């Protein structure tokens, strides 16, 4: 029986795909964790795990009290 992919990975991959496709552009603010949890029909903890991984990889940027934004790629990546 195949293993199901954890939902946080599905969310992470979906957010990455939206960034790559230009749906989410550098500097765009992501919806709140609660809004994303409602959108993906999961808990805020699951969304937070996916978002935290994207922050750690430099794809997103978290700003205390302001939210989470799509990171602006370095000039060499543009």
PDB file of N, CA and C in Angstrom:
ATOM      1  N   UNK A   1       0.845  -1.177   0.000  1.00  0.00           N
ATOM      2  CA  UNK A   1       0.000   0.000   0.000  1.00  0.00           C
ATOM      3  C   UNK A   1       0.893   1.243   0.000  1.00  0.00           C
ATOM      4  N   UNK A   2       0.695   2.164  -0.953  1.00  0.00           N
ATOM      5  CA  UNK A   2       1.548   3.356  -1.010  1.00  0.00           C
ATOM      6  C   UNK A   2       1.288   4.293   0.163  1.00  0.00           C
ATOM      7  N   UNK A   3       2.336   5.008   0.540  1.00  0.00           N
ATOM      8  CA  UNK A   3       2.216   5.966   1.640  1.00  0.00           C
ATOM      9  C   UNK A   3       1.629   7.263   1.108  1.00  0.00           C
ATOM     10  N   UNK A   4       0.733   7.830   1.857  1.00  0.00           N
ATOM     11  CA  UNK A   4       0.164   9.123   1.478  1.00  0.00           C
ATOM     12  C   UNK A   4       1.203  10.214   1.735  1.00  0.00           C
ATOM     13  N   UNK A   5       1.201  11.219   0.890  1.00  0.00           N
ATOM     14  CA  UNK A   5       2.106  12.352   1.060  1.00  0.00           C
ATOM     15  C   UNK A   5       1.552  13.224   2.184  1.00  0.00           C
ATOM     16  N   UNK A   6       2.395  13.618   3.148  1.00  0.00           N
ATOM     17  CA  UNK A   6       1.909  14.482   4.226  1.00  0.00           C
ATOM     18  C   UNK A   6       1.346  15.786   3.659  1.00  0.00           C
ATOM     19  N   UNK A   7       0.277  16.276   4.266  1.00  0.00           N
ATOM     20  CA  UNK A   7      -0.394  17.465   3.764  1.00  0.00           C
ATOM     21  C   UNK A   7       0.508  18.693   3.775  1.00  0.00           C
ATOM     22  N   UNK A   8       1.416  18.792   4.739  1.00  0.00           N
ATOM     23  CA  UNK A   8       2.316  19.956   4.756  1.00  0.00           C
ATOM     24  C   UNK A   8       3.178  19.986   3.496  1.00  0.00           C
ATOM     25  N   UNK A   9       3.533  18.803   2.969  1.00  0.00           N
ATOM     26  CA  UNK A   9       4.322  18.750   1.727  1.00  0.00           C
ATOM     27  C   UNK A   9       3.487  19.188   0.530  1.00  0.00           C
ATOM     28  N   UNK A  10       2.226  18.790   0.521  1.00  0.00           N
ATOM     29  CA  UNK A  10       1.320  19.204  -0.554  1.00  0.00           C
ATOM     30  C   UNK A  10       1.198  20.728  -0.557  1.00  0.00           C
ATOM     31  N   UNK A  11       1.036  21.318   0.624  1.00  0.00           N
ATOM     32  CA  UNK A  11       0.913  22.769   0.752  1.00  0.00           C
ATOM     33  C   UNK A  11       2.211  23.445   0.323  1.00  0.00           C
ATOM     34  N   UNK A  12       3.338  22.934   0.807  1.00  0.00           N
ATOM     35  CA  UNK A  12       4.643  23.492   0.431  1.00  0.00           C
ATOM     36  C   UNK A  12       4.822  23.473  -1.083  1.00  0.00           C
ATOM     37  N   UNK A  13       4.529  22.328  -1.691  1.00  0.00           N
ATOM     38  CA  UNK A  13       4.703  22.190  -3.138  1.00  0.00           C
ATOM     39  C   UNK A  13       3.745  23.096  -3.909  1.00  0.00           C
ATOM     40  N   UNK A  14       2.525  23.257  -3.396  1.00  0.00           N
ATOM     41  CA  UNK A  14       1.558  24.129  -4.054  1.00  0.00           C
ATOM     42  C   UNK A  14       2.009  25.588  -3.979  1.00  0.00           C
ATOM     43  N   UNK A  15       2.486  26.016  -2.821  1.00  0.00           N
ATOM     44  CA  UNK A  15       2.977  27.389  -2.692  1.00  0.00           C
ATOM     45  C   UNK A  15       4.190  27.611  -3.597  1.00  0.00           C
ATOM     46  N   UNK A  16       5.090  26.635  -3.661  1.00  0.00           N
ATOM     47  CA  UNK A  16       6.252  26.730  -4.560  1.00  0.00           C
ATOM     48  C   UNK A  16       5.807  26.859  -6.014  1.00  0.00           C
ATOM     49  N   UNK A  17       4.822  26.063  -6.395  1.00  0.00           N
ATOM     50  CA  UNK A  17       4.322  26.101  -7.769  1.00  0.00           C
ATOM     51  C   UNK A  17       3.693  27.457  -8.080  1.00  0.00           C
ATOM     52  N   UNK A  18       2.980  28.025  -7.120  1.00  0.00           N
ATOM     53  CA  UNK A  18       2.366  29.347  -7.320  1.00  0.00           C
ATOM     54  C   UNK A  18       3.440  30.418  -7.487  1.00  0.00           C
ATOM     55  N   UNK A  19       4.520  30.294  -6.736  1.00  0.00           N
ATOM     56  CA  UNK A  19       5.626  31.255  -6.857  1.00  0.00           C
ATOM     57  C   UNK A  19       6.289  31.103  -8.226  1.00  0.00           C
ATOM     58  N   UNK A  20       6.589  29.864  -8.599  1.00  0.00           N
ATOM     59  CA  UNK A  20       7.265  29.603  -9.876  1.00  0.00           C
ATOM     60  C   UNK A  20       6.421  30.063 -11.058  1.00  0.00           C
ATOM     61  N   UNK A  21       5.099  29.899 -10.964  1.00  0.00           N
ATOM     62  CA  UNK A  21       4.194  30.285 -12.051  1.00  0.00           C
ATOM     63  C   UNK A  21       3.935  31.791 -12.088  1.00  0.00           C
ATOM     64  N   UNK A  22       4.398  32.498 -11.060  1.00  0.00           N
ATOM     65  CA  UNK A  22       4.175  33.942 -11.027  1.00  0.00           C
ATOM     66  C   UNK A  22       2.829  34.344 -10.465  1.00  0.00           C
ATOM     67  N   UNK A  23       2.085  33.372  -9.952  1.00  0.00           N
ATOM     68  CA  UNK A  23       0.806  33.685  -9.308  1.00  0.00           C
ATOM     69  C   UNK A  23       1.079  34.459  -8.022  1.00  0.00           C
ATOM     70  N   UNK A  24       2.091  34.002  -7.296  1.00  0.00           N
ATOM     71  CA  UNK A  24       2.604  34.745  -6.139  1.00  0.00           C
ATOM     72  C   UNK A  24       3.919  35.369  -6.585  1.00  0.00           C
ATOM     73  N   UNK A  25       3.985  36.676  -6.542  1.00  0.00           N
ATOM     74  CA  UNK A  25       5.163  37.396  -7.033  1.00  0.00           C
ATOM     75  C   UNK A  25       6.037  37.875  -5.879  1.00  0.00           C
ATOM     76  N   UNK A  26       7.325  38.109  -6.137  1.00  0.00           N
ATOM     77  CA  UNK A  26       8.206  38.632  -5.095  1.00  0.00           C
ATOM     78  C   UNK A  26       7.601  39.880  -4.442  1.00  0.00           C
ATOM     79  N   UNK A  27       7.579  39.852  -3.118  1.00  0.00           N
ATOM     80  CA  UNK A  27       7.018  40.960  -2.351  1.00  0.00           C
ATOM     81  C   UNK A  27       5.556  40.784  -1.989  1.00  0.00           C
ATOM     82  N   UNK A  28       4.856  39.836  -2.637  1.00  0.00           N
ATOM     83  CA  UNK A  28       3.452  39.594  -2.303  1.00  0.00           C
ATOM     84  C   UNK A  28       3.326  39.048  -0.888  1.00  0.00           C
ATOM     85  N   UNK A  29       2.301  39.499  -0.193  1.00  0.00           N
ATOM     86  CA  UNK A  29       2.015  38.998   1.149  1.00  0.00           C
ATOM     87  C   UNK A  29       1.107  37.779   1.035  1.00  0.00           C
ATOM     88  N   UNK A  30       1.457  36.717   1.757  1.00  0.00           N
ATOM     89  CA  UNK A  30       0.615  35.529   1.787  1.00  0.00           C
ATOM     90  C   UNK A  30      -0.595  35.787   2.676  1.00  0.00           C
ATOM     91  N   UNK A  31      -1.689  35.071   2.433  1.00  0.00           N
ATOM     92  CA  UNK A  31      -2.812  35.145   3.367  1.00  0.00           C
ATOM     93  C   UNK A  31      -2.349  34.681   4.754  1.00  0.00           C
ATOM     94  N   UNK A  32      -3.128  34.990   5.761  1.00  0.00           N
ATOM     95  CA  UNK A  32      -2.774  34.578   7.122  1.00  0.00           C
ATOM     96  C   UNK A  32      -2.762  33.055   7.226  1.00  0.00           C
ATOM     97  N   UNK A  33      -2.113  32.563   8.263  1.00  0.00           N
ATOM     98  CA  UNK A  33      -2.073  31.118   8.511  1.00  0.00           C
ATOM     99  C   UNK A  33      -3.484  30.563   8.611  1.00  0.00           C
ATOM    100  N   UNK A  34      -4.365  31.264   9.303  1.00  0.00           N
ATOM    101  CA  UNK A  34      -5.755  30.821   9.460  1.00  0.00           C
ATOM    102  C   UNK A  34      -6.451  30.760   8.098  1.00  0.00           C
ATOM    103  N   UNK A  35      -6.249  31.772   7.267  1.00  0.00           N
ATOM    104  CA  UNK A  35      -6.872  31.785   5.940  1.00  0.00           C
ATOM    105  C   UNK A  35      -6.350  30.639   5.074  1.00  0.00           C
ATOM    106  N   UNK A  36      -5.042  30.397   5.129  1.00  0.00           N
ATOM    107  CA  UNK A  36      -4.475  29.280   4.369  1.00  0.00           C
ATOM    108  C   UNK A  36      -4.993  27.947   4.903  1.00  0.00           C
ATOM    109  N   UNK A  37      -5.119  27.829   6.222  1.00  0.00           N
ATOM    110  CA  UNK A  37      -5.648  26.598   6.814  1.00  0.00           C
ATOM    111  C   UNK A  37      -7.074  26.346   6.323  1.00  0.00           C
ATOM    112  N   UNK A  38      -7.876  27.391   6.262  1.00  0.00           N
ATOM    113  CA  UNK A  38      -9.241  27.244   5.741  1.00  0.00           C
ATOM    114  C   UNK A  38      -9.217  26.853   4.265  1.00  0.00           C
ATOM    115  N   UNK A  39      -8.333  27.481   3.516  1.00  0.00           N
ATOM    116  CA  UNK A  39      -8.211  27.214   2.081  1.00  0.00           C
ATOM    117  C   UNK A  39      -7.811  25.761   1.822  1.00  0.00           C
ATOM    118  N   UNK A  40      -6.864  25.248   2.594  1.00  0.00           N
ATOM    119  CA  UNK A  40      -6.380  23.879   2.405  1.00  0.00           C
ATOM    120  C   UNK A  40      -7.145  22.861   3.253  1.00  0.00           C
ATOM    121  N   UNK A  41      -8.119  23.345   4.009  1.00  0.00           N
ATOM    122  CA  UNK A  41      -8.946  22.489   4.866  1.00  0.00           C
ATOM    123  C   UNK A  41      -8.093  21.643   5.803  1.00  0.00           C
ATOM    124  N   UNK A  42      -7.223  22.330   6.541  1.00  0.00           N
ATOM    125  CA  UNK A  42      -6.348  21.662   7.495  1.00  0.00           C
ATOM    126  C   UNK A  42      -6.130  22.576   8.693  1.00  0.00           C
ATOM    127  N   UNK A  43      -5.267  22.159   9.587  1.00  0.00           N
ATOM    128  CA  UNK A  43      -5.007  22.958  10.790  1.00  0.00           C
ATOM    129  C   UNK A  43      -3.938  24.014  10.520  1.00  0.00           C
ATOM    130  N   UNK A  44      -3.953  25.092  11.305  1.00  0.00           N
ATOM    131  CA  UNK A  44      -2.904  26.099  11.184  1.00  0.00           C
ATOM    132  C   UNK A  44      -1.504  25.521  11.428  1.00  0.00           C
ATOM    133  N   UNK A  45      -1.394  24.511  12.265  1.00  0.00           N
ATOM    134  CA  UNK A  45      -0.094  23.894  12.553  1.00  0.00           C
ATOM    135  C   UNK A  45       0.494  23.277  11.281  1.00  0.00           C
ATOM    136  N   UNK A  46      -0.332  22.625  10.496  1.00  0.00           N
ATOM    137  CA  UNK A  46       0.120  22.006   9.247  1.00  0.00           C
ATOM    138  C   UNK A  46       0.578  23.068   8.250  1.00  0.00           C
ATOM    139  N   UNK A  47      -0.199  24.137   8.123  1.00  0.00           N
ATOM    140  CA  UNK A  47       0.177  25.244   7.230  1.00  0.00           C
ATOM    141  C   UNK A  47       1.481  25.865   7.696  1.00  0.00           C
ATOM    142  N   UNK A  48       1.593  26.079   9.005  1.00  0.00           N
ATOM    143  CA  UNK A  48       2.787  26.731   9.558  1.00  0.00           C
ATOM    144  C   UNK A  48       4.041  25.919   9.247  1.00  0.00           C
ATOM    145  N   UNK A  49       3.936  24.575   9.302  1.00  0.00           N
ATOM    146  CA  UNK A  49       5.094  23.734   9.000  1.00  0.00           C
ATOM    147  C   UNK A  49       5.543  23.954   7.557  1.00  0.00           C
ATOM    148  N   UNK A  50       4.603  23.977   6.626  1.00  0.00           N
ATOM    149  CA  UNK A  50       4.937  24.195   5.213  1.00  0.00           C
ATOM    150  C   UNK A  50       5.556  25.572   5.011  1.00  0.00           C
ATOM    151  N   UNK A  51       4.964  26.586   5.628  1.00  0.00           N
ATOM    152  CA  UNK A  51       5.462  27.958   5.493  1.00  0.00           C
ATOM    153  C   UNK A  51       6.851  28.081   6.117  1.00  0.00           C
ATOM    154  N   UNK A  52       7.044  27.489   7.295  1.00  0.00           N
ATOM    155  CA  UNK A  52       8.355  27.558   7.959  1.00  0.00           C
ATOM    156  C   UNK A  52       9.455  26.951   7.096  1.00  0.00           C
ATOM    157  N   UNK A  53       9.157  25.860   6.422  1.00  0.00           N
ATOM    158  CA  UNK A  53      10.146  25.225   5.548  1.00  0.00           C
ATOM    159  C   UNK A  53      10.502  26.153   4.385  1.00  0.00           C
ATOM    160  N   UNK A  54       9.507  26.834   3.838  1.00  0.00           N
ATOM    161  CA  UNK A  54       9.765  27.769   2.737  1.00  0.00           C
ATOM    162  C   UNK A  54      10.508  29.011   3.222  1.00  0.00           C
ATOM    163  N   UNK A  55      10.301  29.394   4.465  1.00  0.00           N
ATOM    164  CA  UNK A  55      11.076  30.498   5.047  1.00  0.00           C
ATOM    165  C   UNK A  55      12.531  30.060   5.213  1.00  0.00           C
ATOM    166  N   UNK A  56      12.734  28.852   5.740  1.00  0.00           N
ATOM    167  CA  UNK A  56      14.093  28.330   5.942  1.00  0.00           C
ATOM    168  C   UNK A  56      14.853  28.209   4.621  1.00  0.00           C
ATOM    169  N   UNK A  57      14.138  27.881   3.546  1.00  0.00           N
ATOM    170  CA  UNK A  57      14.791  27.720   2.236  1.00  0.00           C
ATOM    171  C   UNK A  57      14.992  29.059   1.525  1.00  0.00           C
ATOM    172  N   UNK A  58      14.470  30.132   2.104  1.00  0.00           N
ATOM    173  CA  UNK A  58      14.644  31.453   1.515  1.00  0.00           C
ATOM    174  C   UNK A  58      13.610  31.827   0.467  1.00  0.00           C
ATOM    175  N   UNK A  59      12.611  30.978   0.276  1.00  0.00           N
ATOM    176  CA  UNK A  59      11.576  31.264  -0.725  1.00  0.00           C
ATOM    177  C   UNK A  59      10.517  32.230  -0.202  1.00  0.00           C
ATOM    178  N   UNK A  60      10.327  32.217   1.111  1.00  0.00           N
ATOM    179  CA  UNK A  60       9.416  33.147   1.772  1.00  0.00           C
ATOM    180  C   UNK A  60      10.192  33.898   2.834  1.00  0.00           C
ATOM    181  N   UNK A  61       9.638  35.027   3.244  1.00  0.00           N
ATOM    182  CA  UNK A  61      10.263  35.865   4.256  1.00  0.00           C
ATOM    183  C   UNK A  61       9.216  36.209   5.301  1.00  0.00           C
ATOM    184  N   UNK A  62       9.467  35.822   6.550  1.00  0.00           N
ATOM    185  CA  UNK A  62       8.546  36.136   7.637  1.00  0.00           C
ATOM    186  C   UNK A  62       8.970  37.415   8.336  1.00  0.00           C
ATOM    187  N   UNK A  63       8.020  38.311   8.540  1.00  0.00           N
ATOM    188  CA  UNK A  63       8.273  39.569   9.244  1.00  0.00           C
ATOM    189  C   UNK A  63       7.367  39.621  10.464  1.00  0.00           C
ATOM    190  N   UNK A  64       7.972  39.642  11.648  1.00  0.00           N
ATOM    191  CA  UNK A  64       7.224  39.661  12.897  1.00  0.00           C
ATOM    192  C   UNK A  64       6.194  40.795  12.892  1.00  0.00           C
ATOM    193  N   UNK A  65       4.948  40.448  13.131  1.00  0.00           N
ATOM    194  CA  UNK A  65       3.886  41.435  13.205  1.00  0.00           C
ATOM    195  C   UNK A  65       3.389  41.952  11.867  1.00  0.00           C
ATOM    196  N   UNK A  66       4.036  41.539  10.781  1.00  0.00           N
ATOM    197  CA  UNK A  66       3.640  42.028   9.451  1.00  0.00           C
ATOM    198  C   UNK A  66       3.087  40.922   8.559  1.00  0.00           C
ATOM    199  N   UNK A  67       3.592  39.710   8.723  1.00  0.00           N
ATOM    200  CA  UNK A  67       3.128  38.605   7.904  1.00  0.00           C
ATOM    201  C   UNK A  67       4.262  37.897   7.196  1.00  0.00           C
ATOM    202  N   UNK A  68       3.880  37.102   6.213  1.00  0.00           N
ATOM    203  CA  UNK A  68       4.835  36.320   5.424  1.00  0.00           C
ATOM    204  C   UNK A  68       4.730  36.790   3.976  1.00  0.00           C
ATOM    205  N   UNK A  69       5.890  36.992   3.363  1.00  0.00           N
ATOM    206  CA  UNK A  69       5.964  37.536   2.013  1.00  0.00           C
ATOM    207  C   UNK A  69       6.793  36.623   1.123  1.00  0.00           C
ATOM    208  N   UNK A  70       6.516  36.680  -0.184  1.00  0.00           N
ATOM    209  CA  UNK A  70       7.351  35.972  -1.151  1.00  0.00           C
ATOM    210  C   UNK A  70       8.683  36.712  -1.196  1.00  0.00           C
ATOM    211  N   UNK A  71       9.758  35.970  -1.033  1.00  0.00           N
ATOM    212  CA  UNK A  71      11.094  36.572  -1.019  1.00  0.00           C
ATOM    213  C   UNK A  71      11.449  37.118  -2.396  1.00  0.00           C
ATOM    214  N   UNK A  72      12.208  38.190  -2.387  1.00  0.00           N
ATOM    215  CA  UNK A  72      12.732  38.754  -3.626  1.00  0.00           C
ATOM    216  C   UNK A  72      14.031  38.015  -3.919  1.00  0.00           C
ATOM    217  N   UNK A  73      14.110  37.349  -5.088  1.00  0.00           N
ATOM    218  CA  UNK A  73      15.315  36.560  -5.371  1.00  0.00           C
ATOM    219  C   UNK A  73      16.545  37.457  -5.501  1.00  0.00           C
ATOM    220  N   UNK A  74      17.711  36.906  -5.192  1.00  0.00           N
ATOM    221  CA  UNK A  74      18.944  37.674  -5.381  1.00  0.00           C
ATOM    222  C   UNK A  74      19.082  38.101  -6.838  1.00  0.00           C
ATOM    223  N   UNK A  75      19.800  39.179  -7.073  1.00  0.00           N
ATOM    224  CA  UNK A  75      19.966  39.717  -8.432  1.00  0.00           C
ATOM    225  C   UNK A  75      20.489  38.660  -9.397  1.00  0.00           C
ATOM    226  N   UNK A  76      21.336  37.755  -8.923  1.00  0.00           N
ATOM    227  CA  UNK A  76      21.907  36.720  -9.793  1.00  0.00           C
ATOM    228  C   UNK A  76      20.865  35.714 -10.262  1.00  0.00           C
ATOM    229  N   UNK A  77      19.723  35.609  -9.545  1.00  0.00           N
ATOM    230  CA  UNK A  77      18.668  34.661  -9.910  1.00  0.00           C
ATOM    231  C   UNK A  77      17.599  35.282 -10.796  1.00  0.00           C
ATOM    232  N   UNK A  78      17.634  36.584 -10.992  1.00  0.00           N
ATOM    233  CA  UNK A  78      16.574  37.256 -11.759  1.00  0.00           C
ATOM    234  C   UNK A  78      16.803  37.168 -13.239  1.00  0.00           C
TER     235      UNK A  78
END
